[in-house]
N, C-alpha and C. Protein backbone atom coordinates (compact mmCIF):
# COMPACT_ATOMS: atom_id res chain seq x y z
N UNK A 1 99.14 114.86 78.54
CA UNK A 1 99.04 115.29 79.94
C UNK A 1 100.37 116.12 80.20
N UNK A 2 100.24 117.28 80.76
CA UNK A 2 101.40 118.12 81.13
C UNK A 2 102.10 117.43 82.23
N UNK A 3 103.54 117.71 82.34
CA UNK A 3 104.24 117.29 83.38
C UNK A 3 103.65 117.45 84.76
N UNK A 4 103.26 118.76 84.97
CA UNK A 4 102.67 119.08 86.30
C UNK A 4 101.56 118.13 86.68
N UNK A 5 100.67 117.94 85.58
CA UNK A 5 99.49 117.15 85.95
C UNK A 5 100.01 115.72 86.22
N UNK A 6 100.89 115.26 85.52
CA UNK A 6 101.46 113.98 85.72
C UNK A 6 102.17 113.83 87.19
N UNK A 7 102.80 114.86 87.72
CA UNK A 7 103.29 114.86 89.04
C UNK A 7 102.30 114.85 90.03
N UNK A 8 101.16 115.65 89.79
CA UNK A 8 100.08 115.71 90.70
C UNK A 8 99.47 114.42 90.91
N UNK A 9 99.25 113.65 89.83
CA UNK A 9 98.63 112.45 89.76
C UNK A 9 99.54 111.28 90.48
N UNK A 10 100.76 111.43 90.34
CA UNK A 10 101.71 110.58 90.97
C UNK A 10 101.72 110.61 92.46
N UNK A 11 101.77 111.96 92.87
CA UNK A 11 101.77 112.20 94.35
C UNK A 11 100.40 111.74 94.89
N UNK A 12 99.33 112.00 94.14
CA UNK A 12 98.01 111.56 94.65
C UNK A 12 97.90 110.21 94.91
N UNK A 13 98.45 109.38 93.95
CA UNK A 13 98.40 107.84 94.08
C UNK A 13 99.40 107.38 95.00
N UNK A 14 100.64 107.88 95.03
CA UNK A 14 101.64 107.20 95.80
C UNK A 14 102.07 107.99 97.16
N UNK A 15 101.62 109.24 97.32
CA UNK A 15 101.84 109.79 98.56
C UNK A 15 103.16 110.63 98.41
N UNK A 16 103.79 111.16 99.49
CA UNK A 16 105.00 112.02 99.42
C UNK A 16 106.07 111.27 98.71
N UNK A 17 106.85 112.14 97.92
CA UNK A 17 107.89 111.49 96.92
C UNK A 17 109.07 112.56 96.89
N UNK A 18 110.21 111.96 96.50
CA UNK A 18 111.42 112.98 96.26
C UNK A 18 111.41 113.37 94.81
N UNK A 19 112.20 114.31 94.61
CA UNK A 19 112.33 114.85 93.17
C UNK A 19 113.08 113.79 92.37
N UNK A 20 114.09 112.99 92.92
CA UNK A 20 114.76 111.98 92.13
C UNK A 20 113.73 110.86 91.76
N UNK A 21 112.92 110.39 92.59
CA UNK A 21 112.05 109.40 92.20
C UNK A 21 111.07 109.95 91.11
N UNK A 22 110.67 111.13 91.19
CA UNK A 22 109.84 111.75 90.08
C UNK A 22 110.68 111.85 88.76
N UNK A 23 111.92 112.14 88.84
CA UNK A 23 112.78 112.36 87.76
C UNK A 23 113.01 110.99 87.08
N UNK A 24 113.17 109.91 87.88
CA UNK A 24 113.33 108.56 87.28
C UNK A 24 112.00 108.16 86.57
N UNK A 25 110.93 108.50 87.32
CA UNK A 25 109.63 108.13 86.78
C UNK A 25 109.31 108.61 85.41
N UNK A 26 109.57 109.87 85.29
CA UNK A 26 109.25 110.68 84.04
C UNK A 26 110.34 110.93 83.09
N UNK A 27 111.45 110.34 83.47
CA UNK A 27 112.64 110.39 82.66
C UNK A 27 113.10 111.84 82.31
N UNK A 28 113.11 112.60 83.31
CA UNK A 28 113.58 114.06 83.33
C UNK A 28 114.72 114.26 84.26
N UNK A 29 115.34 115.32 84.20
CA UNK A 29 116.47 115.70 85.11
C UNK A 29 115.95 115.97 86.46
N UNK A 30 116.63 115.75 87.51
CA UNK A 30 116.25 116.24 88.82
C UNK A 30 116.01 117.69 88.96
N UNK A 31 116.89 118.38 88.28
CA UNK A 31 116.76 119.79 88.32
C UNK A 31 115.43 120.34 87.65
N UNK A 32 115.03 119.64 86.56
CA UNK A 32 113.83 119.99 85.87
C UNK A 32 112.71 119.59 86.68
N UNK A 33 112.66 118.44 87.40
CA UNK A 33 111.51 118.19 88.23
C UNK A 33 111.37 119.12 89.34
N UNK A 34 112.55 119.58 90.09
CA UNK A 34 112.54 120.60 91.03
C UNK A 34 111.99 121.93 90.72
N UNK A 35 112.28 122.35 89.36
CA UNK A 35 111.64 123.47 88.89
C UNK A 35 110.15 123.46 88.77
N UNK A 36 109.68 122.26 88.41
CA UNK A 36 108.15 122.11 88.34
C UNK A 36 107.74 122.05 89.62
N UNK A 37 108.32 121.43 90.60
CA UNK A 37 107.87 121.39 92.11
C UNK A 37 107.80 122.83 92.75
N UNK A 38 108.92 123.49 92.27
CA UNK A 38 108.86 124.94 93.02
C UNK A 38 107.85 125.71 92.40
N UNK A 39 107.43 125.61 91.07
CA UNK A 39 106.38 126.36 90.55
C UNK A 39 105.15 125.86 91.03
N UNK A 40 104.92 124.52 91.36
CA UNK A 40 103.65 124.07 91.95
C UNK A 40 103.57 124.48 93.32
N UNK A 41 104.65 124.61 94.00
CA UNK A 41 104.63 125.23 95.49
C UNK A 41 104.19 126.62 95.53
N UNK A 42 104.64 127.46 94.50
CA UNK A 42 104.16 128.76 94.41
C UNK A 42 102.69 129.01 94.27
N UNK A 43 102.23 127.88 93.52
CA UNK A 43 100.72 127.99 93.28
C UNK A 43 99.91 127.30 94.51
N UNK A 44 100.70 126.90 95.49
CA UNK A 44 100.05 126.34 96.59
C UNK A 44 99.61 124.76 96.44
N UNK A 45 100.07 124.07 95.40
CA UNK A 45 99.57 122.74 95.28
C UNK A 45 100.37 121.71 96.03
N UNK A 46 101.56 122.02 96.26
CA UNK A 46 102.41 121.10 97.07
C UNK A 46 103.32 121.79 97.97
N UNK A 47 103.77 121.14 98.99
CA UNK A 47 104.84 121.67 99.95
C UNK A 47 105.74 120.57 100.28
N UNK A 48 106.83 120.83 100.99
CA UNK A 48 107.89 119.93 101.22
C UNK A 48 108.28 119.80 102.62
N UNK A 49 108.79 118.64 102.98
CA UNK A 49 109.43 118.41 104.32
C UNK A 49 110.64 117.51 104.25
N UNK A 50 111.53 117.66 105.16
CA UNK A 50 112.78 116.91 105.14
C UNK A 50 112.76 115.74 106.02
N UNK A 51 113.28 114.69 105.55
CA UNK A 51 113.53 113.47 106.33
C UNK A 51 114.97 113.12 106.56
N UNK A 52 115.23 112.94 107.76
CA UNK A 52 116.74 112.69 108.11
C UNK A 52 117.03 111.20 107.70
N UNK A 53 118.30 111.16 107.29
CA UNK A 53 118.88 109.82 106.83
C UNK A 53 120.09 109.64 107.66
N UNK A 54 120.50 108.33 107.57
CA UNK A 54 121.85 108.14 108.38
C UNK A 54 123.00 108.72 107.92
N UNK A 55 123.16 108.82 106.69
CA UNK A 55 124.35 109.46 106.09
C UNK A 55 124.02 110.59 105.18
N UNK A 56 124.62 111.65 105.18
CA UNK A 56 124.33 112.83 104.38
C UNK A 56 123.21 113.73 104.73
N UNK A 57 122.90 114.59 103.82
CA UNK A 57 121.86 115.67 104.21
C UNK A 57 120.53 115.01 104.06
N UNK A 58 119.41 115.51 104.74
CA UNK A 58 118.09 115.08 104.86
C UNK A 58 117.63 115.07 103.28
N UNK A 59 116.62 114.04 103.18
CA UNK A 59 116.03 114.05 101.73
C UNK A 59 114.66 114.83 101.88
N UNK A 60 114.56 115.59 100.77
CA UNK A 60 113.13 116.41 100.70
C UNK A 60 112.15 115.57 100.11
N UNK A 61 111.03 115.53 100.74
CA UNK A 61 109.80 114.92 100.26
C UNK A 61 108.67 115.97 99.85
N UNK A 62 107.98 115.62 98.73
CA UNK A 62 106.98 116.66 98.33
C UNK A 62 105.67 115.92 98.48
N UNK A 63 104.68 116.58 98.98
CA UNK A 63 103.27 116.15 99.22
C UNK A 63 102.34 117.19 98.73
N UNK A 64 101.07 116.72 98.45
CA UNK A 64 100.02 117.72 98.11
C UNK A 64 99.54 118.43 99.25
N UNK A 65 99.26 119.69 99.12
CA UNK A 65 98.59 120.47 100.11
C UNK A 65 96.99 120.28 99.97
N UNK A 66 96.34 121.04 100.93
CA UNK A 66 94.88 120.87 100.71
C UNK A 66 94.40 121.40 99.43
N UNK A 67 95.05 122.40 99.00
CA UNK A 67 94.62 122.89 97.60
C UNK A 67 94.99 122.00 96.58
N UNK A 68 96.16 121.22 96.73
CA UNK A 68 96.40 120.29 95.82
C UNK A 68 95.46 119.12 95.63
N UNK A 69 94.94 118.77 96.77
CA UNK A 69 93.89 117.53 96.82
C UNK A 69 92.63 118.21 96.24
N UNK A 70 92.30 119.40 96.39
CA UNK A 70 91.00 119.89 95.88
C UNK A 70 91.21 120.12 94.40
N UNK A 71 92.42 120.01 93.78
CA UNK A 71 92.56 120.03 92.26
C UNK A 71 91.80 118.71 91.82
N UNK A 72 91.57 117.79 92.56
CA UNK A 72 90.95 116.52 92.07
C UNK A 72 89.39 116.55 92.44
N UNK A 73 89.00 117.49 92.96
CA UNK A 73 87.61 117.52 93.63
C UNK A 73 86.63 117.33 92.45
N UNK A 74 85.50 116.78 92.72
CA UNK A 74 84.47 116.80 91.81
C UNK A 74 83.83 118.04 91.53
N UNK A 75 83.62 118.42 90.27
CA UNK A 75 83.17 119.61 89.86
C UNK A 75 81.68 119.98 90.39
N UNK A 76 81.02 118.84 90.68
CA UNK A 76 79.61 119.01 91.17
C UNK A 76 79.52 118.98 92.76
N UNK A 77 80.70 118.92 93.39
CA UNK A 77 80.63 118.90 94.88
C UNK A 77 79.90 119.98 95.60
N UNK A 78 79.97 121.17 95.14
CA UNK A 78 79.32 122.31 95.66
C UNK A 78 77.76 122.06 95.59
N UNK A 79 77.49 121.75 94.27
CA UNK A 79 76.00 121.48 94.09
C UNK A 79 75.45 120.36 95.05
N UNK A 80 76.18 119.26 95.24
CA UNK A 80 75.98 118.23 96.04
C UNK A 80 75.60 118.64 97.51
N UNK A 81 76.54 119.71 97.90
CA UNK A 81 76.43 120.16 99.38
C UNK A 81 75.08 120.95 99.44
N UNK A 82 74.74 121.75 98.44
CA UNK A 82 73.65 122.66 98.37
C UNK A 82 72.45 121.82 98.48
N UNK A 83 72.47 120.62 97.76
CA UNK A 83 71.34 119.72 97.61
C UNK A 83 71.19 119.12 98.98
N UNK A 84 72.13 118.68 99.74
CA UNK A 84 71.98 118.08 101.10
C UNK A 84 71.44 119.11 101.99
N UNK A 85 71.87 120.37 101.93
CA UNK A 85 71.39 121.34 102.91
C UNK A 85 69.91 121.59 102.66
N UNK A 86 69.58 121.62 101.28
CA UNK A 86 68.21 121.89 100.94
C UNK A 86 67.21 120.84 101.32
N UNK A 87 67.69 119.44 101.23
CA UNK A 87 66.85 118.40 101.81
C UNK A 87 66.70 118.53 103.32
N UNK A 88 67.86 118.84 103.89
CA UNK A 88 67.82 118.84 105.44
C UNK A 88 66.84 119.90 105.87
N UNK A 89 66.88 121.06 105.17
CA UNK A 89 66.07 122.28 105.58
C UNK A 89 64.59 121.97 105.32
N UNK A 90 64.34 121.23 104.10
CA UNK A 90 62.88 121.03 103.87
C UNK A 90 62.33 119.85 104.58
N UNK A 91 63.07 118.76 104.72
CA UNK A 91 62.53 117.54 105.34
C UNK A 91 63.29 117.00 106.45
N UNK A 92 64.22 117.83 107.08
CA UNK A 92 64.80 117.54 108.36
C UNK A 92 65.77 116.36 108.13
N UNK A 93 66.38 115.88 109.30
CA UNK A 93 67.36 114.85 109.24
C UNK A 93 66.75 113.59 108.83
N UNK A 94 65.48 113.35 109.09
CA UNK A 94 64.88 112.18 108.62
C UNK A 94 64.79 112.06 107.19
N UNK A 95 64.50 113.13 106.50
CA UNK A 95 64.52 113.22 105.09
C UNK A 95 65.87 112.92 104.40
N UNK A 96 66.85 113.61 105.10
CA UNK A 96 68.24 113.46 104.65
C UNK A 96 68.74 112.06 104.71
N UNK A 97 68.43 111.40 105.82
CA UNK A 97 68.81 109.85 105.90
C UNK A 97 68.06 108.97 104.96
N UNK A 98 66.91 109.37 104.65
CA UNK A 98 66.05 108.58 103.74
C UNK A 98 66.77 108.76 102.27
N UNK A 99 67.32 109.94 101.88
CA UNK A 99 67.93 110.14 100.60
C UNK A 99 69.23 109.32 100.73
N UNK A 100 70.09 109.32 101.76
CA UNK A 100 71.27 108.65 101.84
C UNK A 100 71.02 107.11 101.78
N UNK A 101 69.96 106.61 102.38
CA UNK A 101 69.51 105.11 102.42
C UNK A 101 69.26 104.70 100.93
N UNK A 102 68.52 105.63 100.27
CA UNK A 102 68.02 105.30 98.84
C UNK A 102 69.36 105.19 97.98
N UNK A 103 70.34 106.14 98.13
CA UNK A 103 71.52 106.13 97.41
C UNK A 103 72.38 104.93 97.72
N UNK A 104 72.38 104.51 98.98
CA UNK A 104 73.15 103.32 99.53
C UNK A 104 72.47 102.03 98.72
N UNK A 105 71.25 101.90 98.72
CA UNK A 105 70.60 100.75 98.11
C UNK A 105 70.84 100.72 96.65
N UNK A 106 70.71 101.84 95.98
CA UNK A 106 70.93 101.88 94.51
C UNK A 106 72.38 101.39 94.09
N UNK A 107 73.32 101.86 94.91
CA UNK A 107 74.74 101.56 94.72
C UNK A 107 75.04 100.04 95.03
N UNK A 108 74.41 99.63 96.17
CA UNK A 108 74.51 98.17 96.48
C UNK A 108 73.92 97.27 95.40
N UNK A 109 72.83 97.66 94.85
CA UNK A 109 72.16 96.83 93.86
C UNK A 109 73.04 96.85 92.45
N UNK A 110 73.63 97.97 92.15
CA UNK A 110 74.55 98.08 91.04
C UNK A 110 75.76 97.25 91.21
N UNK A 111 76.30 97.28 92.32
CA UNK A 111 77.51 96.50 92.60
C UNK A 111 77.25 94.98 92.70
N UNK A 112 76.15 94.66 93.24
CA UNK A 112 75.83 93.20 93.42
C UNK A 112 75.65 92.62 92.13
N UNK A 113 75.09 93.28 91.21
CA UNK A 113 74.68 92.74 89.79
C UNK A 113 76.17 92.69 89.11
N UNK A 114 77.15 93.41 89.38
CA UNK A 114 78.43 93.39 88.74
C UNK A 114 79.32 92.21 89.26
N UNK A 115 79.08 91.85 90.56
CA UNK A 115 79.86 90.76 91.10
C UNK A 115 79.22 89.40 91.19
N UNK A 116 78.06 89.37 90.63
CA UNK A 116 77.14 88.18 90.80
C UNK A 116 77.92 86.87 90.26
N UNK A 117 78.73 86.96 89.25
CA UNK A 117 79.42 85.75 88.71
C UNK A 117 80.83 85.48 89.26
N UNK A 118 81.25 86.40 90.35
CA UNK A 118 82.58 86.32 90.86
C UNK A 118 82.66 85.13 91.82
N UNK A 119 83.39 84.21 91.73
CA UNK A 119 83.45 82.90 92.50
C UNK A 119 83.97 83.15 93.81
N UNK A 120 84.96 84.13 94.03
CA UNK A 120 85.70 84.20 95.30
C UNK A 120 86.01 85.74 95.80
N UNK A 121 86.49 85.81 96.95
CA UNK A 121 86.66 87.20 97.42
C UNK A 121 87.58 87.95 96.51
N UNK A 122 88.69 87.50 96.07
CA UNK A 122 89.61 88.14 95.28
C UNK A 122 88.85 88.67 94.03
N UNK A 123 88.12 87.85 93.27
CA UNK A 123 87.68 88.31 92.13
C UNK A 123 86.56 89.33 92.31
N UNK A 124 85.79 89.10 93.53
CA UNK A 124 84.84 90.24 93.91
C UNK A 124 85.52 91.61 94.11
N UNK A 125 86.71 91.50 94.83
CA UNK A 125 87.36 92.76 95.14
C UNK A 125 88.03 93.41 93.87
N UNK A 126 88.46 92.55 92.93
CA UNK A 126 89.01 93.01 91.66
C UNK A 126 87.81 93.90 90.85
N UNK A 127 86.72 93.26 90.91
CA UNK A 127 85.68 93.87 90.23
C UNK A 127 85.21 95.21 90.98
N UNK A 128 85.08 95.16 92.32
CA UNK A 128 84.68 96.27 93.12
C UNK A 128 85.80 97.40 92.78
N UNK A 129 86.96 97.06 92.85
CA UNK A 129 88.01 98.07 92.48
C UNK A 129 87.79 98.63 91.27
N UNK A 130 87.43 97.99 90.18
CA UNK A 130 87.33 98.52 88.87
C UNK A 130 85.96 99.43 88.93
N UNK A 131 85.01 99.10 89.57
CA UNK A 131 83.77 99.89 89.78
C UNK A 131 84.18 101.22 90.57
N UNK A 132 84.91 101.23 91.57
CA UNK A 132 85.18 102.44 92.29
C UNK A 132 86.05 103.24 91.44
N UNK A 133 86.94 102.57 90.70
CA UNK A 133 87.83 103.47 89.78
C UNK A 133 87.06 104.14 88.81
N UNK A 134 85.97 103.59 88.27
CA UNK A 134 85.12 104.28 87.29
C UNK A 134 84.27 105.35 87.94
N UNK A 135 83.94 105.22 89.21
CA UNK A 135 83.18 106.15 89.93
C UNK A 135 83.99 107.37 90.47
N UNK A 136 85.39 107.34 90.07
CA UNK A 136 86.24 108.50 90.53
C UNK A 136 86.87 108.33 91.73
N UNK A 137 87.04 107.21 92.28
CA UNK A 137 87.72 107.02 93.61
C UNK A 137 89.30 106.70 93.45
N UNK A 138 89.83 106.65 92.23
CA UNK A 138 91.23 106.34 91.96
C UNK A 138 91.65 105.09 92.81
N UNK A 139 90.77 104.11 92.68
CA UNK A 139 91.03 102.91 93.51
C UNK A 139 92.06 101.94 93.05
N UNK A 140 92.62 101.32 93.89
CA UNK A 140 93.61 100.14 93.67
C UNK A 140 93.50 99.15 94.75
N UNK A 141 93.87 97.91 94.36
CA UNK A 141 93.79 96.73 95.19
C UNK A 141 95.15 96.17 95.38
N UNK A 142 95.44 96.02 96.79
CA UNK A 142 96.78 95.30 97.05
C UNK A 142 96.45 93.97 97.85
N UNK A 143 97.08 92.91 97.33
CA UNK A 143 96.95 91.66 98.00
C UNK A 143 98.31 91.41 98.65
N UNK A 144 98.33 91.24 99.91
CA UNK A 144 99.51 91.14 100.71
C UNK A 144 99.36 89.98 101.80
N UNK A 145 100.41 89.79 102.63
CA UNK A 145 100.29 88.70 103.68
C UNK A 145 99.17 88.78 104.64
N UNK A 146 98.58 90.01 104.74
CA UNK A 146 97.53 90.23 105.74
C UNK A 146 96.23 90.10 105.14
N UNK A 147 95.96 89.85 103.79
CA UNK A 147 94.78 89.88 103.19
C UNK A 147 94.78 90.89 102.05
N UNK A 148 93.74 91.60 102.01
CA UNK A 148 93.58 92.62 100.93
C UNK A 148 93.52 94.13 101.52
N UNK A 149 93.96 95.01 100.62
CA UNK A 149 93.97 96.45 101.00
C UNK A 149 93.30 97.13 99.80
N UNK A 150 92.11 97.59 100.03
CA UNK A 150 91.49 98.46 99.02
C UNK A 150 91.73 99.84 99.29
N UNK A 151 92.54 100.54 98.44
CA UNK A 151 92.89 101.98 98.56
C UNK A 151 92.11 102.88 97.59
N UNK A 152 91.45 103.93 98.30
CA UNK A 152 90.93 104.93 97.37
C UNK A 152 91.77 106.23 97.53
N UNK A 153 92.42 106.67 96.56
CA UNK A 153 93.31 107.69 96.57
C UNK A 153 92.61 109.08 96.45
N UNK A 154 91.30 108.96 96.06
CA UNK A 154 90.48 110.17 95.89
C UNK A 154 89.08 109.87 96.31
N UNK A 155 88.30 110.94 96.85
CA UNK A 155 86.99 110.66 97.20
C UNK A 155 86.16 111.78 96.54
N UNK A 156 85.32 111.46 95.51
CA UNK A 156 84.60 112.56 94.71
C UNK A 156 83.57 113.04 95.51
N UNK A 157 83.14 112.40 96.76
CA UNK A 157 82.04 112.95 97.57
C UNK A 157 82.60 113.58 98.91
N UNK A 158 83.99 113.82 98.87
CA UNK A 158 84.67 114.26 100.06
C UNK A 158 84.04 115.39 100.76
N UNK A 159 83.63 116.48 100.01
CA UNK A 159 83.06 117.68 100.52
C UNK A 159 81.65 117.43 101.23
N UNK A 160 80.99 116.59 100.31
CA UNK A 160 79.60 116.31 100.85
C UNK A 160 79.68 115.49 102.09
N UNK A 161 80.60 114.52 102.18
CA UNK A 161 80.90 113.64 103.25
C UNK A 161 81.27 114.35 104.44
N UNK A 162 82.01 115.37 104.51
CA UNK A 162 82.52 116.34 105.47
C UNK A 162 81.27 116.93 106.09
N UNK A 163 80.39 117.33 105.25
CA UNK A 163 79.10 118.02 105.83
C UNK A 163 78.26 116.91 106.32
N UNK A 164 78.18 115.84 105.72
CA UNK A 164 77.22 114.71 106.10
C UNK A 164 78.04 113.41 106.34
N UNK A 165 78.58 113.16 107.51
CA UNK A 165 79.49 111.98 107.77
C UNK A 165 78.70 110.60 107.55
N UNK A 166 77.36 110.63 107.62
CA UNK A 166 76.65 109.42 107.25
C UNK A 166 76.92 108.80 105.92
N UNK A 167 77.34 109.65 105.01
CA UNK A 167 77.68 109.14 103.58
C UNK A 167 78.88 108.29 103.71
N UNK A 168 79.91 108.57 104.64
CA UNK A 168 81.12 107.69 104.81
C UNK A 168 80.61 106.38 105.46
N UNK A 169 79.70 106.49 106.51
CA UNK A 169 79.24 105.24 107.03
C UNK A 169 78.50 104.34 106.08
N UNK A 170 77.78 105.11 105.19
CA UNK A 170 76.98 104.25 104.14
C UNK A 170 77.99 103.52 103.24
N UNK A 171 79.14 104.26 102.91
CA UNK A 171 80.01 103.49 102.00
C UNK A 171 80.52 102.21 102.70
N UNK A 172 80.80 102.26 103.99
CA UNK A 172 81.37 101.16 104.76
C UNK A 172 80.30 100.05 104.77
N UNK A 173 79.09 100.39 104.93
CA UNK A 173 77.88 99.54 104.95
C UNK A 173 77.68 98.98 103.67
N UNK A 174 77.85 99.64 102.55
CA UNK A 174 77.71 98.97 101.12
C UNK A 174 78.71 97.80 101.02
N UNK A 175 80.09 98.14 101.43
CA UNK A 175 81.10 97.14 101.25
C UNK A 175 80.79 95.84 102.04
N UNK A 176 80.28 96.05 103.24
CA UNK A 176 79.91 94.97 104.19
C UNK A 176 78.87 94.02 103.60
N UNK A 177 77.70 94.61 103.13
CA UNK A 177 76.61 93.87 102.55
C UNK A 177 77.08 93.28 101.23
N UNK A 178 77.91 93.80 100.61
CA UNK A 178 78.41 93.41 99.25
C UNK A 178 79.21 92.07 99.40
N UNK A 179 80.13 92.09 100.45
CA UNK A 179 80.99 91.04 100.71
C UNK A 179 80.63 90.02 101.52
N UNK A 180 79.64 90.27 102.34
CA UNK A 180 79.05 89.25 103.24
C UNK A 180 79.53 89.24 104.57
N UNK A 181 78.88 88.56 105.46
CA UNK A 181 79.23 88.63 107.01
C UNK A 181 80.45 87.82 107.31
N UNK A 182 80.99 87.02 106.39
CA UNK A 182 82.18 86.19 106.63
C UNK A 182 83.42 86.94 106.17
N UNK A 183 83.24 88.20 105.78
CA UNK A 183 84.33 89.19 105.49
C UNK A 183 84.35 90.20 106.56
N UNK A 184 85.70 90.53 107.03
CA UNK A 184 86.03 91.53 107.98
C UNK A 184 86.46 92.69 107.25
N UNK A 185 85.83 93.88 107.35
CA UNK A 185 86.29 95.05 106.64
C UNK A 185 86.64 96.13 107.79
N UNK A 186 87.78 96.75 107.63
CA UNK A 186 88.24 97.66 108.66
C UNK A 186 88.77 99.01 107.93
N UNK A 187 88.34 100.14 108.18
CA UNK A 187 88.80 101.28 107.57
C UNK A 187 90.05 101.73 108.30
N UNK A 188 91.23 101.68 107.65
CA UNK A 188 92.39 102.03 108.45
C UNK A 188 92.86 103.46 108.08
N UNK A 189 92.44 104.08 107.08
CA UNK A 189 92.76 105.42 106.67
C UNK A 189 91.51 106.11 106.23
N UNK A 190 91.40 107.34 106.42
CA UNK A 190 90.13 108.16 106.08
C UNK A 190 90.50 109.55 105.63
N UNK A 191 90.08 109.83 104.49
CA UNK A 191 90.40 111.17 103.88
C UNK A 191 89.83 112.30 104.75
N UNK A 192 88.70 112.24 105.14
CA UNK A 192 87.88 113.34 105.90
C UNK A 192 88.55 113.63 107.18
N UNK A 193 89.30 112.59 107.78
CA UNK A 193 90.02 112.96 109.06
C UNK A 193 91.42 113.60 108.76
N UNK A 194 91.62 113.91 107.65
CA UNK A 194 92.93 114.55 107.25
C UNK A 194 94.04 113.74 106.55
N UNK A 195 93.80 112.43 106.54
CA UNK A 195 94.71 111.43 105.80
C UNK A 195 94.60 111.71 104.27
N UNK A 196 95.66 111.14 103.68
CA UNK A 196 95.64 111.47 102.18
C UNK A 196 94.75 110.55 101.30
N UNK A 197 94.24 109.43 101.89
CA UNK A 197 93.55 108.42 101.27
C UNK A 197 92.62 107.75 102.07
N UNK A 198 91.73 107.05 101.66
CA UNK A 198 90.84 105.99 102.38
C UNK A 198 91.45 104.61 102.10
N UNK A 199 91.63 103.76 103.09
CA UNK A 199 92.23 102.49 103.05
C UNK A 199 91.39 101.55 103.85
N UNK A 200 90.91 100.44 103.14
CA UNK A 200 90.13 99.38 103.80
C UNK A 200 90.79 98.14 103.86
N UNK A 201 91.18 97.56 105.13
CA UNK A 201 91.73 96.24 105.28
C UNK A 201 90.66 95.24 105.15
N UNK A 202 90.77 94.24 104.25
CA UNK A 202 89.61 93.25 104.09
C UNK A 202 90.23 91.93 104.06
N UNK A 203 89.59 91.09 105.09
CA UNK A 203 90.08 89.65 105.31
C UNK A 203 88.84 88.86 105.41
N UNK A 204 89.08 87.40 105.26
CA UNK A 204 88.09 86.68 105.56
C UNK A 204 88.06 86.20 107.00
N UNK A 205 86.89 85.99 107.55
CA UNK A 205 86.91 85.72 108.99
C UNK A 205 87.23 84.17 109.23
């Protein structure tokens, strides 16, 4: 993988980052990383902002632009949107909702089979994270003092969900049915509202 691709993936997973952090991560000079970032900025993939510190000059942080996020977009996203529009035109909103409901049920059935032998919430979430990772969501699971945080750094259905928000509601419904009524799931970050990732806080009631 080229250095630029590595940088893009790192920022996608970790969020805004300094050139020094990237240099340490990839064992390159800070100057070399800055040259890569400047080239990426010229391509419209990243931009920068300064953060004030107590002592010294502000530190420059680099983040993905909208075009940078689109670098990870699913190649079939436009086809999905065209399909949703066609279903809506032919069968109306009722037909569209029926398609979404069917997708929801198929996904839920697949996930339920995968976690069937998981004895507790943690093992279920670890399995779910792996499933979402395979499905292209760049998922990761964090276990902290507040419970679990399921993070999805990418959404392969983002463009379709922007056109049809019911898809996002469907995702949340799948998680809730999968983990049961004794589990509280709260979406704390949401890609289609402009945030860089989707994040779900998951706790036992």
